[in-house]
């Protein structure tokens, strides 16, 4: 059964133009076909297509379920976009499939990419949600200056993964339940010493992600996997 995003109100779901086009023109669904609709906020429903229009597809719902978030922690990864945007898209896709609540994109001193397409990354996240049969779309934030992000983040536990040689605990030692976490992942050239110092002075704790030096997107996936494996 194909899954689509839509606005769910009472016993009716309305697909937006992109989803309607995909439903009717690409997948060739027609009136009477049964599809699944999720709103990205925790509601999952099944229904029959009542109006099969490429710009607005309407669905009459026969089943509806409100899903609670399965994770007992909140995970927020703030990551510097990679020079090759496909690697950032890969991170978003895999992070969503594994499980994440929020992703922020940070502009650092060594960042090689200072522009991202928010709409494109959101579509990647939505596709990953549908692929993994989830009911929630993680929050994706626009690119923000590193210092501004540090200033405004209020998670319970704040971590920074960097490559400088200093005493660092493995990330798994900080993972707990019923807490909100933020993990900073730097650009290909790593955080500068000043950026690391700023984070440490703002209550961030340095963490290690194993013995290998990881690519930016791999570090982000490693962090997601560490949380998912320990809290599953």
Protein backbone atom coordinates (compact mmCIF):
# COMPACT_ATOMS: atom_id res chain seq x y z
CA UNK A 1 0.00 0.00 0.00
CA UNK A 2 1.43 3.36 -1.02
CA UNK A 3 1.89 6.06 1.62
CA UNK A 4 1.43 9.80 1.13
CA UNK A 5 1.61 12.96 3.23
CA UNK A 6 -1.58 14.91 3.70
CA UNK A 7 -3.61 17.17 5.94
CA UNK A 8 -5.91 14.99 8.02
CA UNK A 9 -9.12 16.51 9.36
CA UNK A 10 -11.80 14.30 10.89
CA UNK A 11 -12.43 11.55 8.32
CA UNK A 12 -10.92 13.26 5.28
CA UNK A 13 -7.34 13.68 4.10
CA UNK A 14 -6.17 16.16 1.46
CA UNK A 15 -2.85 15.61 -0.33
CA UNK A 16 -0.82 18.65 -1.38
CA UNK A 17 -0.03 19.32 -5.02
CA UNK A 18 3.27 17.41 -5.10
CA UNK A 19 1.83 14.36 -3.37
CA UNK A 20 -1.34 14.48 -5.48
CA UNK A 21 0.70 14.62 -8.68
CA UNK A 22 2.79 11.67 -7.57
CA UNK A 23 -0.29 9.72 -6.52
CA UNK A 24 -2.39 10.29 -9.65
CA UNK A 25 0.10 10.81 -12.48
CA UNK A 26 3.12 8.77 -11.41
CA UNK A 27 1.58 5.86 -9.50
CA UNK A 28 -1.67 5.97 -11.53
CA UNK A 29 -4.00 5.78 -8.55
CA UNK A 30 -7.66 6.39 -9.29
CA UNK A 31 -10.95 6.88 -7.45
CA UNK A 32 -11.65 3.92 -5.18
CA UNK A 33 -8.02 2.93 -4.66
CA UNK A 34 -6.94 2.43 -1.04
CA UNK A 35 -3.88 4.35 0.19
CA UNK A 36 -2.25 5.25 3.48
CA UNK A 37 -1.92 8.89 4.58
CA UNK A 38 0.29 10.32 7.33
CA UNK A 39 0.38 13.92 8.49
CA UNK A 40 3.93 13.88 9.87
CA UNK A 41 2.66 14.80 13.32
CA UNK A 42 1.72 11.35 14.57
CA UNK A 43 -1.49 10.48 12.75
CA UNK A 44 -1.61 7.54 10.34
CA UNK A 45 -4.75 6.74 8.34
CA UNK A 46 -6.07 4.46 5.60
CA UNK A 47 -8.78 5.41 3.16
CA UNK A 48 -10.21 5.39 -0.36
CA UNK A 49 -9.52 8.05 -2.94
CA UNK A 50 -12.67 10.09 -3.53
CA UNK A 51 -11.25 12.74 -5.86
CA UNK A 52 -8.24 11.85 -8.00
CA UNK A 53 -6.99 15.24 -9.16
CA UNK A 54 -3.33 15.93 -9.88
CA UNK A 55 -3.43 19.20 -7.95
CA UNK A 56 -5.50 18.07 -4.98
CA UNK A 57 -6.31 14.48 -4.16
CA UNK A 58 -9.03 13.84 -1.54
CA UNK A 59 -9.23 10.67 0.52
CA UNK A 60 -12.17 9.38 2.56
CA UNK A 61 -10.70 7.74 5.66
CA UNK A 62 -11.85 4.36 6.95
CA UNK A 63 -9.16 3.86 9.62
CA UNK A 64 -7.21 6.37 11.70
CA UNK A 65 -4.55 5.90 14.36
CA UNK A 66 -2.76 8.43 16.54
CA UNK A 67 0.78 7.18 17.11
CA UNK A 68 2.93 8.17 20.09
CA UNK A 69 6.64 8.79 19.63
CA UNK A 70 8.44 5.52 20.41
CA UNK A 71 11.75 7.07 21.47
CA UNK A 72 12.19 7.97 25.13
CA UNK A 73 14.74 10.68 24.33
CA UNK A 74 14.96 13.67 22.01
CA UNK A 75 17.89 13.74 19.59
CA UNK A 76 18.97 16.92 17.81
CA UNK A 77 22.01 16.86 15.52
CA UNK A 78 23.55 20.14 14.39
CA UNK A 79 25.76 19.40 11.40
CA UNK A 80 27.80 21.42 8.91
CA UNK A 81 26.59 20.75 5.33
CA UNK A 82 29.16 18.96 3.20
CA UNK A 83 30.68 20.43 0.04
CA UNK A 84 29.01 17.63 -1.93
CA UNK A 85 25.35 18.19 -1.05
CA UNK A 86 24.49 14.59 -1.94
CA UNK A 87 26.41 13.48 1.15
CA UNK A 88 24.28 15.78 3.31
CA UNK A 89 21.14 14.41 1.68
CA UNK A 90 22.39 10.90 2.43
CA UNK A 91 22.86 11.85 6.07
CA UNK A 92 19.32 13.26 6.29
CA UNK A 93 17.84 10.15 4.68
CA UNK A 94 19.65 7.67 6.92
CA UNK A 95 19.26 9.72 10.11
CA UNK A 96 15.50 9.88 9.58
CA UNK A 97 15.29 6.15 8.93
CA UNK A 98 17.29 5.33 12.08
CA UNK A 99 15.46 7.88 14.24
CA UNK A 100 16.01 11.57 14.92
CA UNK A 101 13.84 14.43 16.16
CA UNK A 102 15.55 17.53 14.82
CA UNK A 103 18.34 18.47 12.42
CA UNK A 104 20.02 21.87 12.26
CA UNK A 105 22.55 22.94 9.65
CA UNK A 106 25.39 25.08 10.98
CA UNK A 107 27.79 27.40 9.15
CA UNK A 108 31.28 27.09 10.59
CA UNK A 109 34.62 28.76 9.91
CA UNK A 110 35.82 25.81 7.81
CA UNK A 111 32.50 25.18 6.06
CA UNK A 112 32.87 24.69 2.31
CA UNK A 113 29.11 24.97 1.73
CA UNK A 114 27.26 28.04 2.92
CA UNK A 115 23.96 27.58 1.02
CA UNK A 116 21.46 24.74 1.19
CA UNK A 117 18.07 24.11 -0.39
CA UNK A 118 15.67 23.63 2.50
CA UNK A 119 12.85 22.33 0.28
CA UNK A 120 15.04 19.64 -1.27
CA UNK A 121 16.24 18.37 2.12
CA UNK A 122 12.69 18.34 3.44
CA UNK A 123 11.61 16.16 0.51
CA UNK A 124 14.46 13.78 1.27
CA UNK A 125 13.28 13.58 4.89
CA UNK A 126 9.67 13.01 3.87
CA UNK A 127 10.65 10.21 1.49
CA UNK A 128 12.66 8.56 4.27
CA UNK A 129 9.69 8.80 6.66
CA UNK A 130 7.44 7.09 4.13
CA UNK A 131 10.06 4.46 3.30
CA UNK A 132 10.55 3.57 6.98
CA UNK A 133 6.81 3.64 7.75
CA UNK A 134 7.09 6.28 10.46
CA UNK A 135 4.44 8.79 11.49
CA UNK A 136 6.59 11.79 12.42
CA UNK A 137 8.65 14.13 10.26
CA UNK A 138 11.74 15.41 12.08
CA UNK A 139 12.12 19.16 12.32
CA UNK A 140 14.63 20.49 9.77
CA UNK A 141 16.04 23.94 10.49
CA UNK A 142 17.53 26.42 8.06
CA UNK A 143 21.27 27.04 7.90
CA UNK A 144 22.40 29.10 10.89
CA UNK A 145 25.69 30.62 11.99
CA UNK A 146 27.55 28.38 14.44
CA UNK A 147 27.84 31.04 17.14
CA UNK A 148 24.14 31.84 16.90
CA UNK A 149 23.25 28.19 17.27
CA UNK A 150 25.47 27.79 20.33
CA UNK A 151 23.86 30.85 21.90
CA UNK A 152 20.27 29.61 21.51
CA UNK A 153 20.43 25.85 22.04
CA UNK A 154 18.82 24.69 25.29
CA UNK A 155 19.04 20.89 25.28
CA UNK A 156 19.48 19.02 28.55
CA UNK A 157 22.76 17.48 27.43
CA UNK A 158 24.97 19.20 24.84
CA UNK A 159 27.82 17.38 23.12
CA UNK A 160 30.47 18.25 20.55
CA UNK A 161 32.32 15.69 18.42
CA UNK A 162 35.63 17.08 17.22
CA UNK A 163 38.98 15.69 16.08
CA UNK A 164 41.37 17.53 18.40
CA UNK A 165 43.46 15.32 20.67
CA UNK A 166 42.15 15.77 24.18
CA UNK A 167 40.49 13.67 26.81
CA UNK A 168 37.06 12.65 25.50
CA UNK A 169 34.51 10.12 26.69
CA UNK A 170 32.83 7.83 24.17
CA UNK A 171 29.40 9.11 23.18
CA UNK A 172 27.68 5.98 24.51
CA UNK A 173 28.58 6.98 28.08
CA UNK A 174 26.38 10.08 27.83
CA UNK A 175 23.30 8.42 26.36
CA UNK A 176 20.39 8.34 28.77
CA UNK A 177 16.61 8.23 28.66
CA UNK A 178 14.08 10.99 29.17
CA UNK A 179 16.57 13.67 28.19
CA UNK A 180 17.04 15.98 25.24
CA UNK A 181 20.42 15.83 23.50
CA UNK A 182 22.20 18.02 20.97
CA UNK A 183 25.33 16.81 19.17
CA UNK A 184 27.52 19.16 17.14
CA UNK A 185 29.14 17.65 14.02
CA UNK A 186 31.69 19.85 12.24
CA UNK A 187 32.64 20.38 8.58
CA UNK A 188 35.23 18.44 6.59
CA UNK A 189 38.01 20.60 8.05
CA UNK A 190 36.66 20.11 11.59
CA UNK A 191 35.78 22.85 14.05
CA UNK A 192 38.41 25.50 14.71
CA UNK A 193 40.03 25.70 18.14
CA UNK A 194 38.02 28.85 18.84
CA UNK A 195 34.76 27.10 17.91
CA UNK A 196 35.60 24.19 20.19
CA UNK A 197 36.48 26.57 23.01
CA UNK A 198 33.19 28.43 22.54
CA UNK A 199 31.22 25.19 22.78
CA UNK A 200 33.08 24.03 25.86
CA UNK A 201 32.49 27.37 27.56
CA UNK A 202 28.77 26.99 26.74
CA UNK A 203 28.42 23.67 28.63
CA UNK A 204 29.07 21.35 25.68
CA UNK A 205 30.94 18.17 26.50
CA UNK A 206 33.55 16.71 24.11
CA UNK A 207 32.78 13.20 22.89
CA UNK A 208 34.56 10.53 20.89
CA UNK A 209 32.92 8.55 18.09
CA UNK A 210 35.33 5.64 18.08
CA UNK A 211 38.96 5.37 16.99
CA UNK A 212 38.56 6.20 13.29
CA UNK A 213 38.40 9.72 11.87
CA UNK A 214 34.93 9.86 10.31
CA UNK A 215 33.52 11.91 7.46
CA UNK A 216 31.00 14.54 8.50
CA UNK A 217 27.95 12.61 7.35
CA UNK A 218 29.30 9.33 8.75
CA UNK A 219 29.79 10.94 12.16
CA UNK A 220 26.17 12.08 12.14
CA UNK A 221 24.94 8.59 11.27
CA UNK A 222 27.20 7.05 13.92
CA UNK A 223 25.63 9.29 16.56
CA UNK A 224 22.10 8.38 15.47
CA UNK A 225 22.95 4.70 15.51
CA UNK A 226 24.54 4.91 18.96
CA UNK A 227 21.35 6.36 20.43
CA UNK A 228 19.09 3.96 18.59
CA UNK A 229 21.05 0.86 19.63
CA UNK A 230 21.29 1.75 23.30
CA UNK A 231 17.71 2.98 23.70
CA UNK A 232 15.97 0.39 21.52
